[in-house]
Protein backbone atom coordinates (compact mmCIF):
# COMPACT_ATOMS: atom_id res chain seq x y z
CA MET A 1 -59.14 11.59 -27.22
CA ASN A 2 -55.53 13.22 -27.09
CA HIS A 3 -53.37 10.40 -26.14
CA VAL A 4 -49.57 10.86 -26.68
CA ILE A 5 -48.29 8.65 -29.54
CA THR A 6 -44.49 8.39 -29.77
CA LEU A 7 -42.60 7.34 -32.99
CA LEU A 8 -39.27 5.45 -33.03
CA THR A 9 -38.02 4.43 -36.56
CA ASP A 10 -35.13 3.88 -38.64
CA PHE A 11 -36.59 5.99 -41.54
CA GLY A 12 -34.50 9.16 -41.25
CA THR A 13 -36.00 12.38 -42.20
CA ALA A 14 -35.00 12.91 -45.84
CA ASP A 15 -38.00 11.01 -47.23
CA TYR A 16 -41.69 11.15 -46.99
CA PHE A 17 -41.99 8.14 -44.52
CA VAL A 18 -42.28 9.95 -41.23
CA GLY A 19 -44.69 12.42 -42.52
CA ALA A 20 -46.86 9.72 -43.93
CA VAL A 21 -46.97 7.87 -40.59
CA LYS A 22 -47.96 10.97 -38.89
CA GLY A 23 -50.66 11.58 -41.53
CA ALA A 24 -51.94 8.10 -41.04
CA ILE A 25 -52.33 8.62 -37.28
CA LEU A 26 -54.04 12.09 -37.60
CA SER A 27 -56.51 10.70 -40.25
CA VAL A 28 -57.82 8.35 -37.48
CA ASN A 29 -57.31 10.60 -34.44
CA PRO A 30 -56.80 14.29 -35.49
CA ARG A 31 -56.26 15.20 -31.71
CA ALA A 32 -53.46 12.81 -31.12
CA VAL A 33 -50.25 14.36 -29.70
CA ILE A 34 -47.30 12.97 -31.73
CA VAL A 35 -43.85 12.91 -30.27
CA ASP A 36 -40.73 11.88 -32.21
CA ILE A 37 -38.36 9.84 -29.91
CA THR A 38 -35.96 9.37 -32.98
CA HIS A 39 -35.90 8.51 -36.63
CA GLU A 40 -32.24 8.01 -36.60
CA ILE A 41 -31.95 4.26 -35.54
CA PRO A 42 -29.44 2.78 -37.95
CA PRO A 43 -31.19 1.06 -40.77
CA GLN A 44 -32.61 -2.37 -39.79
CA ASP A 45 -30.79 -2.21 -36.31
CA ILE A 46 -33.33 -3.82 -34.12
CA ASP A 47 -31.00 -3.93 -31.10
CA ALA A 48 -30.40 -0.23 -31.24
CA GLY A 49 -34.15 0.43 -31.55
CA ALA A 50 -34.74 -1.80 -28.45
CA PHE A 51 -32.18 0.00 -26.32
CA THR A 52 -33.44 3.54 -27.35
CA LEU A 53 -37.03 2.63 -26.60
CA LEU A 54 -36.01 1.21 -23.13
CA ALA A 55 -34.00 4.28 -22.36
CA ALA A 56 -37.00 6.64 -23.17
CA TYR A 57 -40.33 4.99 -22.37
CA LYS A 58 -40.55 5.66 -18.58
CA THR A 59 -40.35 9.34 -19.06
CA PHE A 60 -43.75 9.29 -20.81
CA PRO A 61 -47.13 9.50 -18.88
CA ALA A 62 -49.51 6.55 -18.44
CA GLY A 63 -51.57 5.97 -21.51
CA THR A 64 -48.77 6.69 -23.96
CA ILE A 65 -48.72 4.70 -27.12
CA HIS A 66 -45.27 4.02 -28.61
CA VAL A 67 -45.11 3.07 -32.33
CA GLY A 68 -41.65 1.41 -32.96
CA VAL A 69 -40.79 0.61 -36.67
CA VAL A 70 -37.46 -1.07 -37.15
CA ASP A 71 -38.64 -3.74 -39.43
CA PRO A 72 -36.45 -5.55 -41.78
CA GLY A 73 -38.94 -8.30 -42.13
CA VAL A 74 -41.77 -6.00 -43.40
CA GLY A 75 -44.16 -7.76 -45.66
CA SER A 76 -43.04 -11.25 -44.38
CA GLU A 77 -44.90 -13.64 -42.04
CA ARG A 78 -43.57 -11.74 -38.96
CA ARG A 79 -46.60 -10.72 -36.72
CA PRO A 80 -47.78 -7.07 -35.96
CA ILE A 81 -48.24 -6.80 -32.24
CA ILE A 82 -49.36 -4.57 -29.47
CA VAL A 83 -47.67 -4.93 -25.99
CA SER A 84 -49.40 -3.59 -22.80
CA ALA A 85 -46.80 -2.71 -20.16
CA ASN A 86 -46.35 -0.19 -17.47
CA GLU A 87 -49.85 1.42 -18.24
CA GLN A 88 -48.52 2.09 -21.77
CA PHE A 89 -48.75 0.39 -25.18
CA PHE A 90 -46.08 -0.39 -27.65
CA VAL A 91 -47.08 -1.11 -31.34
CA GLY A 92 -44.76 -2.66 -33.88
CA PRO A 93 -43.32 -5.77 -35.36
CA ASP A 94 -42.67 -9.07 -33.50
CA ASN A 95 -39.07 -9.17 -34.16
CA GLY A 96 -37.61 -8.45 -30.70
CA LEU A 97 -37.89 -4.73 -30.81
CA PHE A 98 -39.73 -4.86 -27.46
CA THR A 99 -37.58 -7.40 -25.83
CA TYR A 100 -36.09 -5.00 -23.11
CA ILE A 101 -39.62 -3.83 -22.29
CA TYR A 102 -40.59 -7.42 -21.61
CA ASP A 103 -37.44 -7.78 -19.40
CA ARG A 104 -38.31 -4.61 -17.45
CA GLU A 105 -42.05 -5.20 -17.24
CA PRO A 106 -42.66 -8.80 -16.36
CA SER A 107 -46.57 -8.36 -16.12
CA HIS A 108 -46.62 -7.30 -19.72
CA ARG A 109 -49.28 -8.65 -22.30
CA VAL A 110 -48.75 -9.17 -26.03
CA VAL A 111 -51.53 -9.33 -28.49
CA HIS A 112 -51.17 -10.46 -32.04
CA VAL A 113 -53.04 -7.85 -34.26
CA THR A 114 -55.22 -9.68 -36.68
CA SER A 115 -58.23 -7.41 -36.89
CA ASP A 116 -57.43 -5.77 -40.30
CA ARG A 117 -60.37 -3.43 -40.01
CA TYR A 118 -58.03 -1.19 -38.14
CA PHE A 119 -55.54 -1.25 -41.05
CA ARG A 120 -55.48 1.24 -43.92
CA PRO A 121 -57.19 -0.20 -47.01
CA GLN A 122 -54.99 -2.45 -49.05
CA PRO A 123 -51.80 -2.19 -46.84
CA SER A 124 -48.47 -1.87 -48.73
CA THR A 125 -46.18 -4.92 -48.24
CA THR A 126 -43.37 -2.37 -47.70
CA PHE A 127 -44.82 0.28 -45.43
CA HIS A 128 -46.45 -1.37 -42.48
CA GLY A 129 -45.52 1.66 -40.35
CA ARG A 130 -48.01 3.73 -42.24
CA ASP A 131 -50.56 1.20 -43.09
CA ILE A 132 -50.78 -1.07 -40.13
CA PHE A 133 -48.89 0.22 -37.06
CA ALA A 134 -49.91 3.88 -37.36
CA PRO A 135 -53.71 3.37 -37.75
CA VAL A 136 -53.65 0.66 -35.00
CA ALA A 137 -51.99 3.07 -32.65
CA ALA A 138 -54.43 5.71 -33.53
CA ALA A 139 -57.34 3.39 -32.89
CA LEU A 140 -55.90 2.51 -29.45
CA SER A 141 -55.71 6.22 -28.72
CA ASN A 142 -59.44 6.54 -29.67
CA GLY A 143 -60.22 4.08 -26.84
CA ILE A 144 -60.61 0.78 -28.89
CA PRO A 145 -59.94 -2.07 -26.24
CA LEU A 146 -56.85 -4.06 -26.59
CA GLU A 147 -58.88 -7.24 -26.96
CA GLU A 148 -60.42 -5.90 -30.16
CA PHE A 149 -57.15 -6.20 -32.01
CA GLY A 150 -56.56 -9.93 -31.75
CA GLU A 151 -55.61 -12.84 -29.40
CA GLU A 152 -52.97 -12.64 -26.71
CA ILE A 153 -49.76 -14.69 -27.33
CA ASP A 154 -46.90 -15.89 -25.26
CA ASP A 155 -44.29 -16.71 -27.77
CA ALA A 156 -43.05 -13.26 -28.76
CA VAL A 157 -39.76 -13.09 -30.52
CA LEU A 158 -36.87 -12.11 -28.25
CA LEU A 159 -33.45 -10.58 -28.52
CA PRO A 160 -30.69 -11.91 -26.15
CA SER A 161 -31.52 -11.12 -22.51
CA LEU A 162 -30.63 -7.70 -21.23
CA GLU A 163 -29.16 -9.28 -18.17
CA THR A 164 -26.55 -11.73 -19.54
CA PRO A 165 -23.85 -11.91 -20.71
CA LEU A 166 -22.19 -8.80 -19.42
CA ARG A 167 -21.48 -6.70 -22.62
CA ILE A 168 -21.69 -3.45 -24.47
CA ILE A 169 -25.38 -2.94 -25.49
CA HIS A 170 -25.22 0.44 -27.18
CA ILE A 171 -22.56 2.86 -28.38
CA ASP A 172 -23.95 6.50 -28.49
CA ARG A 173 -23.04 9.15 -30.94
CA PHE A 174 -20.25 10.40 -28.56
CA GLY A 175 -18.67 7.05 -28.48
CA ASN A 176 -19.70 6.17 -24.93
CA CYS A 177 -20.01 2.48 -24.50
CA VAL A 178 -23.12 1.62 -22.63
CA THR A 179 -22.98 -1.66 -20.74
CA ASN A 180 -25.88 -3.80 -19.44
CA ILE A 181 -24.47 -3.36 -15.85
CA THR A 182 -26.90 -1.77 -13.55
CA SER A 183 -25.23 -2.41 -10.17
CA ALA A 184 -21.42 -2.58 -10.32
CA GLU A 185 -19.43 -4.60 -7.91
CA LYS A 186 -16.22 -4.73 -9.72
CA SER A 187 -14.16 -2.80 -12.17
CA LEU A 188 -14.23 -3.70 -15.88
CA VAL A 189 -11.94 -5.29 -18.65
CA ILE A 190 -12.96 -4.63 -22.22
CA ASN A 191 -10.81 -5.84 -25.00
CA GLY A 192 -7.85 -6.26 -22.77
CA ARG A 193 -8.15 -2.70 -21.20
CA THR A 194 -8.85 -2.43 -17.50
CA ILE A 195 -11.15 0.57 -16.42
CA SER A 196 -10.88 1.01 -12.64
CA GLU A 197 -11.63 4.91 -12.42
CA PHE A 198 -15.22 5.96 -11.67
CA ARG A 199 -16.35 9.64 -12.18
CA GLN A 200 -19.49 11.42 -11.30
CA PHE A 201 -19.84 13.47 -14.56
CA TYR A 202 -18.32 13.46 -18.04
CA GLY A 203 -16.07 16.64 -17.67
CA GLU A 204 -14.66 15.51 -14.27
CA GLY A 205 -10.78 15.72 -14.63
CA ASP A 206 -8.94 17.05 -17.61
CA ASP A 207 -7.21 13.92 -18.86
CA GLU A 208 -8.03 11.58 -21.69
CA SER A 209 -8.07 8.41 -19.59
CA LEU A 210 -11.05 5.88 -19.71
CA PHE A 211 -13.39 5.99 -16.89
CA ALA A 212 -16.80 4.46 -15.78
CA ILE A 213 -19.86 6.58 -15.24
CA TRP A 214 -23.58 5.88 -14.45
CA GLY A 215 -25.43 7.03 -17.52
CA SER A 216 -28.94 8.68 -17.69
CA ALA A 217 -30.50 5.39 -18.90
CA GLY A 218 -29.43 3.66 -15.52
CA PHE A 219 -26.59 1.53 -17.04
CA LEU A 220 -22.84 1.78 -16.42
CA GLU A 221 -20.91 3.48 -19.26
CA ILE A 222 -17.33 3.60 -20.30
CA SER A 223 -16.27 7.08 -21.43
CA VAL A 224 -13.44 9.41 -22.05
CA ASN A 225 -13.49 13.15 -21.67
CA GLY A 226 -13.62 14.86 -25.05
CA GLY A 227 -13.12 11.65 -26.99
CA SER A 228 -14.67 8.43 -28.16
CA ALA A 229 -14.18 5.45 -25.76
CA ALA A 230 -15.48 3.15 -28.43
CA LYS A 231 -12.62 4.22 -30.63
CA ILE A 232 -9.91 3.90 -27.95
CA LEU A 233 -11.16 0.39 -26.93
CA ASN A 234 -11.88 -0.67 -30.71
CA ALA A 235 -15.12 -1.53 -29.18
CA VAL A 236 -18.35 -2.72 -31.00
CA ARG A 237 -21.88 -3.49 -29.60
CA GLY A 238 -21.82 -7.10 -28.27
CA ASP A 239 -18.25 -7.12 -26.98
CA GLU A 240 -18.29 -8.92 -23.70
CA ILE A 241 -16.91 -7.52 -20.44
CA SER A 242 -15.14 -9.20 -17.52
CA TYR A 243 -14.86 -8.05 -13.87
CA THR A 244 -11.85 -7.49 -11.66
CA TRP A 245 -12.43 -5.50 -8.31
CA ALA A 246 -15.02 -3.37 -6.75
CA LEU A 247 -16.53 -0.02 -8.08
CA PRO A 248 -18.58 2.50 -6.20
CA GLN A 249 -22.33 2.04 -6.47
CA LYS A 250 -24.60 4.55 -8.02
């Protein structure tokens, strides 16, 4: 079968890690279609991985298998899991990486992967991406039923909710501050700065004032034309936001 298998990791591309994961997948399913979402998640940054996966997964077709490996607990007692949601699968560590998928897809199922016959022989304690998650994803792509991998669980590890408190949940490489606001009713105050202007696209206007804009992931962003809103606001992920007055809807 030629299911799409995506990869999202913090491995970077300078080492052999990504190539080895792809090799482990292709050894089990040579016809798999492998798509890189990104390998540039900051090292061990589970929150950044969770946001990036959330922003990308709905663009993929039904049957897609997403392998997420941002795994500072590799080799520990943390569980390998498979999540079934939105007619797709998510394979990776039970460390909160899939929290935002749970939030967006209430009918999801989570299985603790215990059937080691789908692992590579003698899995390394430092490279579960290659030795556990990759071959499990490939087995899924070959049509192995979800139930064959282990028992369903209802106590998956969670990050703070995507809904509250209102905060910056991501800062992209351009310095745009992505909030967790999905339907604005008021303007914003971040670190003492009020943002009351709303724009339709990044290049609208030629000044360097802060403005709000609906980003491609469906969240309200704080931006500045030609600069970094994060630097101007001295903002970091997790900074809380307060409201003052009404902003236009999407």
